[in-house]
Amino acid sequence: MSPNTAKIRVILADDHPVVRNGLANIVNQQKDMQVVAEAEDGEEAIALYEQHLPDMMVLDLRMPKLDGVAVVQEVLQRHPKARLLIMTTYDGDEDIFRSLSQGAKGYLLKDAPRQEILAAIRAVAADQSYTSGAIAAKALQRLVRPNLTNREADVLQQLALGNSNKEIGRTLNISEGTAKTHVKAILTKLDAISRTEAVAVALKRGMIRL
């Protein structure tokens, strides 16, 4: 690389110091990259982005204060051309779909090989999308699956808490019968035969949090 060639300026956002330090070491060893800041939560990620206006940001999906998707939304609202790469341990199709649909340029798992991580950073910094074949396949699977309505999503969260139809109705201010109807719709859409299986499927896909 020519001495006059600008380096890719990177911000890393992850609440695990070991992960940040490891990734920073990998990035800073490259002649064409430089870590300019590190954030340990979502709010700090946004503040540091505003301060440094990097070429790209690598961020975790699960962080304190604001999660990765919320950071993507906020940064892109302020800077529509921002280049953001999600790097996480979560491979649920809902997580992938939410991240990419909100404008992240790439989605990568933390167990990706070193060279793939570097390739993803370079691609996103060049305003190119980057996902592995497996991640892209999951994103496509999510596109053809039926969406839950907002109310069904609320009911699903209540199912995860172990609430009965009567308790769901009371919590959400709907009738027990309406709650039962929503539960049946959720089972159908998640292709589940029981409430327990529906919760398990939803957790695996990243649709709910416990």
N, C-alpha and C. Protein backbone atom coordinates (compact mmCIF):
# COMPACT_ATOMS: atom_id res chain seq x y z
N MET A 1 0.85 -1.20 0.00
CA MET A 1 0.00 0.00 0.00
C MET A 1 0.88 1.25 0.00
N SER A 2 0.55 2.20 -0.79
CA SER A 2 1.30 3.45 -0.86
C SER A 2 1.20 4.20 0.46
N PRO A 3 2.27 4.88 0.89
CA PRO A 3 2.24 5.65 2.13
C PRO A 3 1.15 6.71 2.14
N ASN A 4 0.73 7.14 0.95
CA ASN A 4 -0.28 8.19 0.86
C ASN A 4 -1.71 7.65 0.84
N THR A 5 -1.84 6.32 0.76
CA THR A 5 -3.17 5.72 0.72
C THR A 5 -3.80 5.74 2.10
N ALA A 6 -4.99 6.26 2.18
CA ALA A 6 -5.66 6.35 3.47
C ALA A 6 -6.06 4.97 3.97
N LYS A 7 -5.92 4.76 5.27
CA LYS A 7 -6.33 3.51 5.86
C LYS A 7 -7.85 3.50 6.10
N ILE A 8 -8.40 2.28 6.14
CA ILE A 8 -9.81 2.12 6.51
C ILE A 8 -9.93 2.38 8.00
N ARG A 9 -10.67 3.41 8.37
CA ARG A 9 -10.83 3.78 9.78
C ARG A 9 -12.04 3.03 10.35
N VAL A 10 -11.79 2.24 11.39
CA VAL A 10 -12.79 1.31 11.92
C VAL A 10 -13.11 1.61 13.38
N ILE A 11 -14.40 1.56 13.71
CA ILE A 11 -14.82 1.56 15.11
C ILE A 11 -15.32 0.16 15.45
N LEU A 12 -14.93 -0.34 16.62
CA LEU A 12 -15.38 -1.64 17.10
C LEU A 12 -16.34 -1.42 18.27
N ALA A 13 -17.49 -2.07 18.24
CA ALA A 13 -18.47 -1.95 19.32
C ALA A 13 -18.86 -3.34 19.80
N ASP A 14 -18.45 -3.68 21.02
CA ASP A 14 -18.74 -4.99 21.60
C ASP A 14 -18.57 -4.86 23.11
N ASP A 15 -19.47 -5.46 23.87
CA ASP A 15 -19.39 -5.31 25.32
C ASP A 15 -18.41 -6.27 25.98
N HIS A 16 -17.76 -7.13 25.19
CA HIS A 16 -16.77 -8.06 25.73
C HIS A 16 -15.36 -7.56 25.40
N PRO A 17 -14.60 -7.11 26.40
CA PRO A 17 -13.26 -6.57 26.14
C PRO A 17 -12.34 -7.54 25.42
N VAL A 18 -12.43 -8.83 25.74
CA VAL A 18 -11.57 -9.82 25.09
C VAL A 18 -11.84 -9.86 23.59
N VAL A 19 -13.12 -9.81 23.22
CA VAL A 19 -13.47 -9.81 21.80
C VAL A 19 -12.96 -8.55 21.12
N ARG A 20 -13.18 -7.40 21.74
CA ARG A 20 -12.71 -6.15 21.15
C ARG A 20 -11.19 -6.14 20.98
N ASN A 21 -10.49 -6.57 22.03
CA ASN A 21 -9.03 -6.56 21.96
C ASN A 21 -8.51 -7.49 20.87
N GLY A 22 -9.12 -8.67 20.79
CA GLY A 22 -8.69 -9.62 19.77
C GLY A 22 -8.92 -9.10 18.38
N LEU A 23 -10.10 -8.52 18.16
CA LEU A 23 -10.42 -7.99 16.83
C LEU A 23 -9.56 -6.77 16.51
N ALA A 24 -9.31 -5.93 17.52
CA ALA A 24 -8.47 -4.76 17.31
C ALA A 24 -7.06 -5.17 16.89
N ASN A 25 -6.54 -6.22 17.52
CA ASN A 25 -5.21 -6.70 17.15
C ASN A 25 -5.17 -7.17 15.70
N ILE A 26 -6.21 -7.89 15.29
CA ILE A 26 -6.27 -8.38 13.91
C ILE A 26 -6.32 -7.21 12.93
N VAL A 27 -7.19 -6.24 13.23
CA VAL A 27 -7.36 -5.10 12.32
C VAL A 27 -6.10 -4.25 12.25
N ASN A 28 -5.52 -3.95 13.40
CA ASN A 28 -4.37 -3.04 13.43
C ASN A 28 -3.10 -3.66 12.84
N GLN A 29 -3.10 -4.96 12.66
CA GLN A 29 -1.96 -5.61 12.01
C GLN A 29 -1.99 -5.43 10.49
N GLN A 30 -3.13 -4.97 9.98
CA GLN A 30 -3.28 -4.80 8.53
C GLN A 30 -2.75 -3.43 8.11
N LYS A 31 -2.06 -3.38 7.00
CA LYS A 31 -1.49 -2.12 6.54
C LYS A 31 -2.57 -1.14 6.07
N ASP A 32 -3.73 -1.67 5.72
CA ASP A 32 -4.77 -0.81 5.16
C ASP A 32 -5.91 -0.54 6.13
N MET A 33 -5.73 -0.85 7.42
CA MET A 33 -6.81 -0.66 8.39
C MET A 33 -6.28 -0.06 9.68
N GLN A 34 -7.18 0.60 10.40
CA GLN A 34 -6.82 1.17 11.70
C GLN A 34 -8.06 1.30 12.57
N VAL A 35 -8.00 0.78 13.79
CA VAL A 35 -9.08 0.97 14.75
C VAL A 35 -8.94 2.36 15.37
N VAL A 36 -9.95 3.19 15.21
CA VAL A 36 -9.88 4.56 15.73
C VAL A 36 -10.62 4.72 17.06
N ALA A 37 -11.49 3.76 17.39
CA ALA A 37 -12.21 3.85 18.66
C ALA A 37 -12.87 2.51 18.97
N GLU A 38 -13.13 2.28 20.27
CA GLU A 38 -13.81 1.07 20.71
C GLU A 38 -14.93 1.44 21.66
N ALA A 39 -16.09 0.82 21.47
CA ALA A 39 -17.26 1.10 22.31
C ALA A 39 -17.67 -0.17 23.04
N GLU A 40 -18.16 -0.02 24.29
CA GLU A 40 -18.58 -1.18 25.06
C GLU A 40 -20.09 -1.28 25.20
N ASP A 41 -20.83 -0.34 24.64
CA ASP A 41 -22.29 -0.43 24.63
C ASP A 41 -22.85 0.35 23.44
N GLY A 42 -24.14 0.20 23.20
CA GLY A 42 -24.74 0.81 22.04
C GLY A 42 -24.72 2.32 22.04
N GLU A 43 -24.97 2.92 23.18
CA GLU A 43 -24.97 4.39 23.24
C GLU A 43 -23.58 4.95 22.96
N GLU A 44 -22.56 4.29 23.51
CA GLU A 44 -21.19 4.74 23.27
C GLU A 44 -20.82 4.57 21.80
N ALA A 45 -21.33 3.51 21.18
CA ALA A 45 -21.06 3.28 19.76
C ALA A 45 -21.55 4.45 18.91
N ILE A 46 -22.77 4.92 19.21
CA ILE A 46 -23.33 6.04 18.47
C ILE A 46 -22.52 7.32 18.72
N ALA A 47 -22.17 7.55 19.98
CA ALA A 47 -21.40 8.76 20.32
C ALA A 47 -20.03 8.76 19.64
N LEU A 48 -19.37 7.61 19.64
CA LEU A 48 -18.05 7.52 19.01
C LEU A 48 -18.14 7.63 17.50
N TYR A 49 -19.24 7.11 16.94
CA TYR A 49 -19.43 7.27 15.50
C TYR A 49 -19.54 8.75 15.15
N GLU A 50 -20.32 9.48 15.93
CA GLU A 50 -20.48 10.92 15.69
C GLU A 50 -19.15 11.65 15.83
N GLN A 51 -18.34 11.21 16.78
CA GLN A 51 -17.07 11.88 17.03
C GLN A 51 -16.04 11.61 15.94
N HIS A 52 -15.97 10.37 15.46
CA HIS A 52 -14.90 9.98 14.54
C HIS A 52 -15.33 9.88 13.07
N LEU A 53 -16.63 9.68 12.83
CA LEU A 53 -17.13 9.48 11.46
C LEU A 53 -16.21 8.51 10.69
N PRO A 54 -16.17 7.26 11.13
CA PRO A 54 -15.26 6.28 10.54
C PRO A 54 -15.70 5.83 9.15
N ASP A 55 -14.83 5.07 8.50
CA ASP A 55 -15.20 4.49 7.20
C ASP A 55 -16.20 3.37 7.38
N MET A 56 -16.12 2.68 8.51
CA MET A 56 -17.08 1.61 8.79
C MET A 56 -17.04 1.28 10.28
N MET A 57 -18.11 0.62 10.74
CA MET A 57 -18.16 0.19 12.14
C MET A 57 -18.54 -1.27 12.21
N VAL A 58 -17.84 -2.01 13.05
CA VAL A 58 -18.16 -3.41 13.33
C VAL A 58 -18.85 -3.45 14.69
N LEU A 59 -20.05 -4.01 14.76
CA LEU A 59 -20.77 -3.99 16.02
C LEU A 59 -21.45 -5.30 16.33
N ASP A 60 -21.50 -5.60 17.62
CA ASP A 60 -22.17 -6.80 18.10
C ASP A 60 -23.68 -6.59 18.06
N LEU A 61 -24.40 -7.70 18.06
CA LEU A 61 -25.86 -7.61 18.03
C LEU A 61 -26.44 -7.38 19.42
N ARG A 62 -25.85 -8.00 20.43
CA ARG A 62 -26.32 -7.86 21.81
C ARG A 62 -25.35 -6.98 22.58
N MET A 63 -25.79 -5.80 22.95
CA MET A 63 -24.98 -4.88 23.74
C MET A 63 -25.85 -4.19 24.77
N PRO A 64 -25.28 -3.74 25.88
CA PRO A 64 -26.06 -3.00 26.87
C PRO A 64 -26.56 -1.67 26.30
N LYS A 65 -27.62 -1.16 26.91
CA LYS A 65 -28.21 0.15 26.61
C LYS A 65 -28.93 0.19 25.27
N LEU A 66 -28.25 -0.12 24.17
CA LEU A 66 -28.89 -0.24 22.86
C LEU A 66 -28.29 -1.44 22.14
N ASP A 67 -29.16 -2.26 21.53
CA ASP A 67 -28.62 -3.40 20.80
C ASP A 67 -28.14 -2.99 19.41
N GLY A 68 -27.54 -3.93 18.71
CA GLY A 68 -26.94 -3.62 17.41
C GLY A 68 -27.93 -3.07 16.40
N VAL A 69 -29.13 -3.63 16.36
CA VAL A 69 -30.13 -3.16 15.40
C VAL A 69 -30.53 -1.72 15.70
N ALA A 70 -30.69 -1.39 16.98
CA ALA A 70 -31.03 -0.02 17.35
C ALA A 70 -29.91 0.95 16.97
N VAL A 71 -28.67 0.50 17.13
CA VAL A 71 -27.52 1.34 16.73
C VAL A 71 -27.53 1.56 15.23
N VAL A 72 -27.77 0.49 14.48
CA VAL A 72 -27.85 0.61 13.01
C VAL A 72 -28.91 1.63 12.63
N GLN A 73 -30.09 1.53 13.22
CA GLN A 73 -31.18 2.45 12.91
C GLN A 73 -30.78 3.90 13.19
N GLU A 74 -30.22 4.13 14.37
CA GLU A 74 -29.89 5.49 14.79
C GLU A 74 -28.76 6.08 13.95
N VAL A 75 -27.72 5.31 13.72
CA VAL A 75 -26.58 5.82 12.93
C VAL A 75 -27.01 6.13 11.50
N LEU A 76 -27.79 5.23 10.91
CA LEU A 76 -28.22 5.45 9.52
C LEU A 76 -29.21 6.59 9.40
N GLN A 77 -29.97 6.83 10.45
CA GLN A 77 -30.88 7.98 10.42
C GLN A 77 -30.09 9.28 10.36
N ARG A 78 -28.97 9.31 11.07
CA ARG A 78 -28.13 10.50 11.08
C ARG A 78 -27.17 10.54 9.89
N HIS A 79 -26.71 9.36 9.47
CA HIS A 79 -25.72 9.27 8.40
C HIS A 79 -26.14 8.16 7.43
N PRO A 80 -26.99 8.46 6.48
CA PRO A 80 -27.56 7.45 5.59
C PRO A 80 -26.54 6.61 4.82
N LYS A 81 -25.34 7.12 4.65
CA LYS A 81 -24.32 6.37 3.90
C LYS A 81 -23.37 5.61 4.81
N ALA A 82 -23.68 5.52 6.09
CA ALA A 82 -22.83 4.79 7.03
C ALA A 82 -22.70 3.33 6.63
N ARG A 83 -21.54 2.76 6.86
CA ARG A 83 -21.26 1.38 6.49
C ARG A 83 -21.05 0.56 7.76
N LEU A 84 -21.99 -0.32 8.02
CA LEU A 84 -22.05 -1.02 9.30
C LEU A 84 -22.06 -2.53 9.09
N LEU A 85 -21.23 -3.22 9.87
CA LEU A 85 -21.11 -4.68 9.79
C LEU A 85 -21.46 -5.28 11.14
N ILE A 86 -22.49 -6.12 11.16
CA ILE A 86 -22.85 -6.85 12.37
C ILE A 86 -21.93 -8.06 12.48
N MET A 87 -21.31 -8.23 13.66
CA MET A 87 -20.47 -9.40 13.92
C MET A 87 -20.89 -9.98 15.26
N THR A 88 -21.48 -11.16 15.25
CA THR A 88 -22.15 -11.68 16.43
C THR A 88 -22.05 -13.19 16.51
N THR A 89 -22.49 -13.74 17.63
CA THR A 89 -22.57 -15.19 17.77
C THR A 89 -23.95 -15.71 17.40
N TYR A 90 -24.90 -14.80 17.16
CA TYR A 90 -26.29 -15.19 16.91
C TYR A 90 -26.56 -15.36 15.42
N ASP A 91 -27.09 -16.53 15.07
CA ASP A 91 -27.36 -16.78 13.65
C ASP A 91 -28.83 -17.07 13.38
N GLY A 92 -29.72 -16.61 14.27
CA GLY A 92 -31.15 -16.78 14.03
C GLY A 92 -31.60 -15.97 12.83
N ASP A 93 -32.50 -16.52 12.03
CA ASP A 93 -32.89 -15.84 10.80
C ASP A 93 -33.58 -14.50 11.07
N GLU A 94 -34.25 -14.38 12.21
CA GLU A 94 -34.90 -13.11 12.53
C GLU A 94 -33.86 -12.04 12.85
N ASP A 95 -32.80 -12.44 13.58
CA ASP A 95 -31.71 -11.50 13.86
C ASP A 95 -31.08 -11.01 12.56
N ILE A 96 -30.81 -11.94 11.66
CA ILE A 96 -30.18 -11.60 10.38
C ILE A 96 -31.09 -10.68 9.57
N PHE A 97 -32.38 -11.05 9.49
CA PHE A 97 -33.33 -10.27 8.70
C PHE A 97 -33.47 -8.85 9.25
N ARG A 98 -33.61 -8.73 10.59
CA ARG A 98 -33.76 -7.40 11.19
C ARG A 98 -32.55 -6.53 10.93
N SER A 99 -31.37 -7.12 11.06
CA SER A 99 -30.13 -6.35 10.87
C SER A 99 -30.00 -5.86 9.44
N LEU A 100 -30.17 -6.76 8.49
CA LEU A 100 -29.98 -6.39 7.08
C LEU A 100 -31.11 -5.51 6.58
N SER A 101 -32.32 -5.75 7.04
CA SER A 101 -33.45 -4.94 6.56
C SER A 101 -33.38 -3.52 7.10
N GLN A 102 -32.68 -3.32 8.22
CA GLN A 102 -32.54 -1.97 8.77
C GLN A 102 -31.36 -1.23 8.17
N GLY A 103 -30.57 -1.91 7.33
CA GLY A 103 -29.54 -1.20 6.60
C GLY A 103 -28.10 -1.60 6.86
N ALA A 104 -27.86 -2.59 7.73
CA ALA A 104 -26.49 -3.07 7.90
C ALA A 104 -26.00 -3.63 6.56
N LYS A 105 -24.74 -3.34 6.24
CA LYS A 105 -24.18 -3.79 4.95
C LYS A 105 -23.74 -5.24 4.99
N GLY A 106 -23.51 -5.77 6.21
CA GLY A 106 -23.04 -7.14 6.30
C GLY A 106 -23.39 -7.79 7.62
N TYR A 107 -23.31 -9.11 7.65
CA TYR A 107 -23.63 -9.89 8.84
C TYR A 107 -22.65 -11.04 8.89
N LEU A 108 -21.90 -11.13 9.99
CA LEU A 108 -20.82 -12.11 10.09
C LEU A 108 -20.85 -12.74 11.47
N LEU A 109 -20.54 -14.04 11.55
CA LEU A 109 -20.46 -14.70 12.84
C LEU A 109 -19.05 -14.59 13.41
N LYS A 110 -18.96 -14.55 14.74
CA LYS A 110 -17.67 -14.34 15.38
C LYS A 110 -16.71 -15.50 15.20
N ASP A 111 -17.24 -16.67 14.85
CA ASP A 111 -16.33 -17.80 14.64
C ASP A 111 -15.83 -17.88 13.20
N ALA A 112 -16.08 -16.84 12.41
CA ALA A 112 -15.58 -16.80 11.03
C ALA A 112 -14.05 -16.78 11.04
N PRO A 113 -13.42 -17.37 10.03
CA PRO A 113 -11.96 -17.33 9.93
C PRO A 113 -11.44 -15.90 9.84
N ARG A 114 -10.24 -15.70 10.30
CA ARG A 114 -9.60 -14.38 10.31
C ARG A 114 -9.68 -13.70 8.95
N GLN A 115 -9.35 -14.44 7.88
CA GLN A 115 -9.34 -13.84 6.55
C GLN A 115 -10.73 -13.43 6.09
N GLU A 116 -11.75 -14.16 6.54
CA GLU A 116 -13.12 -13.79 6.17
C GLU A 116 -13.53 -12.51 6.90
N ILE A 117 -13.12 -12.39 8.15
CA ILE A 117 -13.41 -11.16 8.90
C ILE A 117 -12.80 -9.95 8.20
N LEU A 118 -11.55 -10.08 7.78
CA LEU A 118 -10.87 -8.99 7.10
C LEU A 118 -11.52 -8.69 5.75
N ALA A 119 -11.92 -9.75 5.05
CA ALA A 119 -12.59 -9.56 3.76
C ALA A 119 -13.92 -8.83 3.94
N ALA A 120 -14.64 -9.18 5.01
CA ALA A 120 -15.92 -8.52 5.28
C ALA A 120 -15.72 -7.05 5.59
N ILE A 121 -14.71 -6.73 6.38
CA ILE A 121 -14.44 -5.32 6.73
C ILE A 121 -14.10 -4.53 5.47
N ARG A 122 -13.26 -5.11 4.61
CA ARG A 122 -12.87 -4.40 3.38
C ARG A 122 -14.07 -4.22 2.46
N ALA A 123 -14.91 -5.25 2.37
CA ALA A 123 -16.07 -5.17 1.49
C ALA A 123 -17.05 -4.09 1.96
N VAL A 124 -17.37 -4.11 3.25
CA VAL A 124 -18.32 -3.13 3.79
C VAL A 124 -17.75 -1.73 3.70
N ALA A 125 -16.45 -1.58 3.97
CA ALA A 125 -15.82 -0.26 3.86
C ALA A 125 -15.89 0.27 2.43
N ALA A 126 -15.94 -0.65 1.47
CA ALA A 126 -16.05 -0.27 0.06
C ALA A 126 -17.50 -0.15 -0.38
N ASP A 127 -18.41 -0.14 0.60
CA ASP A 127 -19.85 0.00 0.36
C ASP A 127 -20.43 -1.20 -0.39
N GLN A 128 -19.89 -2.37 -0.10
CA GLN A 128 -20.39 -3.61 -0.69
C GLN A 128 -21.02 -4.46 0.41
N SER A 129 -22.06 -5.17 0.06
CA SER A 129 -22.71 -6.06 1.03
C SER A 129 -21.84 -7.30 1.26
N TYR A 130 -21.91 -7.83 2.49
CA TYR A 130 -21.15 -9.04 2.77
C TYR A 130 -21.93 -9.95 3.71
N THR A 131 -22.22 -11.15 3.26
CA THR A 131 -22.75 -12.21 4.10
C THR A 131 -22.19 -13.52 3.60
N SER A 132 -22.01 -14.47 4.50
CA SER A 132 -21.58 -15.80 4.08
C SER A 132 -22.74 -16.51 3.39
N GLY A 133 -22.46 -17.62 2.72
CA GLY A 133 -23.51 -18.36 2.05
C GLY A 133 -24.58 -18.83 3.01
N ALA A 134 -24.16 -19.31 4.20
CA ALA A 134 -25.12 -19.81 5.18
C ALA A 134 -26.01 -18.69 5.71
N ILE A 135 -25.42 -17.52 5.94
CA ILE A 135 -26.19 -16.38 6.44
C ILE A 135 -27.18 -15.91 5.37
N ALA A 136 -26.74 -15.85 4.13
CA ALA A 136 -27.61 -15.43 3.04
C ALA A 136 -28.79 -16.39 2.89
N ALA A 137 -28.52 -17.68 3.06
CA ALA A 137 -29.58 -18.68 2.94
C ALA A 137 -30.63 -18.49 4.03
N LYS A 138 -30.17 -18.19 5.24
CA LYS A 138 -31.12 -17.98 6.34
C LYS A 138 -31.96 -16.72 6.10
N ALA A 139 -31.32 -15.69 5.55
CA ALA A 139 -32.05 -14.46 5.25
C ALA A 139 -33.15 -14.74 4.23
N LEU A 140 -32.85 -15.56 3.24
CA LEU A 140 -33.84 -15.91 2.22
C LEU A 140 -34.97 -16.74 2.82
N GLN A 141 -34.62 -17.66 3.73
CA GLN A 141 -35.64 -18.46 4.39
C GLN A 141 -36.62 -17.56 5.15
N ARG A 142 -36.05 -16.56 5.80
CA ARG A 142 -36.89 -15.65 6.58
C ARG A 142 -37.86 -14.88 5.69
N LEU A 143 -37.42 -14.54 4.49
CA LEU A 143 -38.26 -13.77 3.58
C LEU A 143 -39.52 -14.51 3.17
N VAL A 144 -39.44 -15.83 3.09
CA VAL A 144 -40.61 -16.60 2.62
C VAL A 144 -41.49 -17.08 3.78
N ARG A 145 -41.07 -16.83 5.01
CA ARG A 145 -41.88 -17.23 6.15
C ARG A 145 -42.90 -16.15 6.47
N PRO A 146 -44.08 -16.55 6.95
CA PRO A 146 -45.10 -15.55 7.30
C PRO A 146 -44.67 -14.72 8.50
N ASN A 147 -44.97 -13.44 8.45
CA ASN A 147 -44.64 -12.55 9.55
C ASN A 147 -45.66 -12.66 10.67
N LEU A 148 -45.22 -12.51 11.90
CA LEU A 148 -46.15 -12.35 13.01
C LEU A 148 -46.62 -10.91 13.04
N THR A 149 -47.87 -10.71 13.39
CA THR A 149 -48.35 -9.34 13.60
C THR A 149 -47.74 -8.81 14.90
N ASN A 150 -47.85 -7.52 15.12
CA ASN A 150 -47.34 -6.93 16.35
C ASN A 150 -48.02 -7.55 17.57
N ARG A 151 -49.31 -7.79 17.48
CA ARG A 151 -50.03 -8.38 18.60
C ARG A 151 -49.59 -9.83 18.82
N GLU A 152 -49.39 -10.56 17.74
CA GLU A 152 -48.91 -11.94 17.89
C GLU A 152 -47.52 -11.97 18.51
N ALA A 153 -46.70 -11.00 18.16
CA ALA A 153 -45.37 -10.92 18.77
C ALA A 153 -45.48 -10.67 20.27
N ASP A 154 -46.45 -9.83 20.67
CA ASP A 154 -46.68 -9.58 22.10
C ASP A 154 -47.12 -10.85 22.81
N VAL A 155 -48.02 -11.58 22.16
CA VAL A 155 -48.52 -12.83 22.74
C VAL A 155 -47.39 -13.86 22.84
N LEU A 156 -46.56 -13.92 21.83
CA LEU A 156 -45.43 -14.85 21.84
C LEU A 156 -44.50 -14.58 23.01
N GLN A 157 -44.26 -13.31 23.28
CA GLN A 157 -43.41 -12.95 24.42
C GLN A 157 -44.06 -13.41 25.73
N GLN A 158 -45.37 -13.32 25.80
CA GLN A 158 -46.09 -13.79 26.99
C GLN A 158 -46.01 -15.31 27.11
N LEU A 159 -46.06 -15.99 25.97
CA LEU A 159 -45.90 -17.45 25.99
C LEU A 159 -44.54 -17.83 26.56
N ALA A 160 -43.53 -17.07 26.19
CA ALA A 160 -42.17 -17.34 26.67
C ALA A 160 -42.07 -17.18 28.19
N LEU A 161 -42.95 -16.36 28.74
CA LEU A 161 -42.98 -16.17 30.19
C LEU A 161 -43.79 -17.25 30.90
N GLY A 162 -44.39 -18.14 30.10
CA GLY A 162 -45.17 -19.24 30.66
C GLY A 162 -46.58 -18.89 31.04
N ASN A 163 -47.10 -17.79 30.51
CA ASN A 163 -48.44 -17.35 30.87
C ASN A 163 -49.53 -18.12 30.14
N SER A 164 -50.64 -18.34 30.81
CA SER A 164 -51.81 -19.00 30.22
C SER A 164 -52.55 -18.00 29.34
N ASN A 165 -53.52 -18.51 28.58
CA ASN A 165 -54.33 -17.62 27.74
C ASN A 165 -55.03 -16.56 28.58
N LYS A 166 -55.53 -16.99 29.74
CA LYS A 166 -56.22 -16.05 30.62
C LYS A 166 -55.26 -14.96 31.11
N GLU A 167 -54.04 -15.35 31.49
CA GLU A 167 -53.05 -14.39 31.96
C GLU A 167 -52.59 -13.46 30.83
N ILE A 168 -52.47 -14.04 29.63
CA ILE A 168 -52.10 -13.22 28.47
C ILE A 168 -53.17 -12.17 28.20
N GLY A 169 -54.43 -12.61 28.24
CA GLY A 169 -55.53 -11.69 28.01
C GLY A 169 -55.53 -10.55 29.01
N ARG A 170 -55.31 -10.89 30.28
CA ARG A 170 -55.30 -9.87 31.32
C ARG A 170 -54.14 -8.89 31.10
N THR A 171 -52.96 -9.42 30.78
CA THR A 171 -51.77 -8.58 30.61
C THR A 171 -51.90 -7.65 29.40
N LEU A 172 -52.45 -8.19 28.30
CA LEU A 172 -52.52 -7.42 27.06
C LEU A 172 -53.87 -6.74 26.86
N ASN A 173 -54.74 -6.88 27.85
CA ASN A 173 -56.06 -6.24 27.79
C ASN A 173 -56.87 -6.72 26.59
N ILE A 174 -56.85 -8.04 26.39
CA ILE A 174 -57.68 -8.67 25.36
C ILE A 174 -58.42 -9.83 26.02
N SER A 175 -59.43 -10.36 25.33
CA SER A 175 -60.19 -11.46 25.92
C SER A 175 -59.38 -12.75 25.87
N GLU A 176 -59.75 -13.69 26.73
CA GLU A 176 -59.08 -14.99 26.74
C GLU A 176 -59.24 -15.69 25.39
N GLY A 177 -60.41 -15.52 24.78
CA GLY A 177 -60.65 -16.13 23.47
C GLY A 177 -59.76 -15.55 22.39
N THR A 178 -59.58 -14.22 22.44
CA THR A 178 -58.70 -13.57 21.47
C THR A 178 -57.26 -14.03 21.66
N ALA A 179 -56.86 -14.17 22.92
CA ALA A 179 -55.51 -14.66 23.20
C ALA A 179 -55.33 -16.06 22.62
N LYS A 180 -56.34 -16.92 22.80
CA LYS A 180 -56.27 -18.28 22.27
C LYS A 180 -56.15 -18.27 20.75
N THR A 181 -56.88 -17.37 20.09
CA THR A 181 -56.81 -17.26 18.63
C THR A 181 -55.41 -16.86 18.19
N HIS A 182 -54.81 -15.91 18.89
CA HIS A 182 -53.44 -15.48 18.56
C HIS A 182 -52.45 -16.62 18.75
N VAL A 183 -52.63 -17.38 19.82
CA VAL A 183 -51.72 -18.51 20.08
C VAL A 183 -51.80 -19.52 18.94
N LYS A 184 -53.02 -19.82 18.49
CA LYS A 184 -53.18 -20.77 17.38
C LYS A 184 -52.50 -20.25 16.12
N ALA A 185 -52.62 -18.95 15.85
CA ALA A 185 -51.98 -18.36 14.68
C ALA A 185 -50.45 -18.46 14.79
N ILE A 186 -49.94 -18.24 16.00
CA ILE A 186 -48.50 -18.32 16.22
C ILE A 186 -47.99 -19.73 15.97
N LEU A 187 -48.69 -20.73 16.48
CA LEU A 187 -48.29 -22.12 16.28
C LEU A 187 -48.26 -22.46 14.80
N THR A 188 -49.26 -21.97 14.07
CA THR A 188 -49.31 -22.24 12.63
C THR A 188 -48.14 -21.58 11.90
N LYS A 189 -47.89 -20.32 12.20
CA LYS A 189 -46.83 -19.58 11.51
C LYS A 189 -45.44 -20.09 11.85
N LEU A 190 -45.26 -20.60 13.06
CA LEU A 190 -43.95 -21.13 13.46
C LEU A 190 -43.84 -22.62 13.21
N ASP A 191 -44.89 -23.20 12.67
CA ASP A 191 -44.92 -24.64 12.38
C ASP A 191 -44.60 -25.44 13.64
N ALA A 192 -45.24 -25.06 14.72
CA ALA A 192 -45.02 -25.70 16.01
C ALA A 192 -46.28 -26.43 16.46
N ILE A 193 -46.11 -27.52 17.21
CA ILE A 193 -47.27 -28.30 17.64
C ILE A 193 -47.65 -28.00 19.09
N SER A 194 -46.84 -27.20 19.77
CA SER A 194 -47.16 -26.87 21.16
C SER A 194 -46.62 -25.48 21.50
N ARG A 195 -47.09 -24.95 22.59
CA ARG A 195 -46.61 -23.64 23.04
C ARG A 195 -45.12 -23.71 23.36
N THR A 196 -44.68 -24.81 23.97
CA THR A 196 -43.26 -24.97 24.32
C THR A 196 -42.40 -24.99 23.07
N GLU A 197 -42.86 -25.71 22.06
CA GLU A 197 -42.08 -25.77 20.82
C GLU A 197 -42.06 -24.40 20.14
N ALA A 198 -43.16 -23.69 20.19
CA ALA A 198 -43.21 -22.36 19.59
C ALA A 198 -42.18 -21.43 20.23
N VAL A 199 -42.08 -21.49 21.55
CA VAL A 199 -41.10 -20.66 22.26
C VAL A 199 -39.68 -21.07 21.88
N ALA A 200 -39.44 -22.38 21.79
CA ALA A 200 -38.11 -22.88 21.42
C ALA A 200 -37.72 -22.41 20.02
N VAL A 201 -38.66 -22.50 19.09
CA VAL A 201 -38.40 -22.06 17.71
C VAL A 201 -38.12 -20.57 17.69
N ALA A 202 -38.92 -19.82 18.42
CA ALA A 202 -38.78 -18.35 18.43
C ALA A 202 -37.42 -17.94 19.03
N LEU A 203 -37.00 -18.63 20.08
CA LEU A 203 -35.68 -18.34 20.68
C LEU A 203 -34.56 -18.64 19.70
N LYS A 204 -34.66 -19.76 19.03
CA LYS A 204 -33.62 -20.14 18.07
C LYS A 204 -33.51 -19.16 16.92
N ARG A 205 -34.65 -18.65 16.50
CA ARG A 205 -34.66 -17.72 15.36
C ARG A 205 -34.37 -16.29 15.77
N GLY A 206 -34.29 -16.03 17.05
CA GLY A 206 -34.00 -14.66 17.51
C GLY A 206 -35.21 -13.77 17.54
N MET A 207 -36.42 -14.35 17.65
CA MET A 207 -37.64 -13.57 17.63
C MET A 207 -37.99 -13.01 19.00
N ILE A 208 -37.53 -13.68 20.06
CA ILE A 208 -37.81 -13.23 21.42
C ILE A 208 -36.55 -13.36 22.26
N ARG A 209 -36.57 -12.71 23.41
CA ARG A 209 -35.47 -12.77 24.37
C ARG A 209 -36.04 -13.16 25.72
N LEU A 210 -35.28 -13.92 26.46
CA LEU A 210 -35.69 -14.28 27.83
C LEU A 210 -34.79 -13.56 28.82
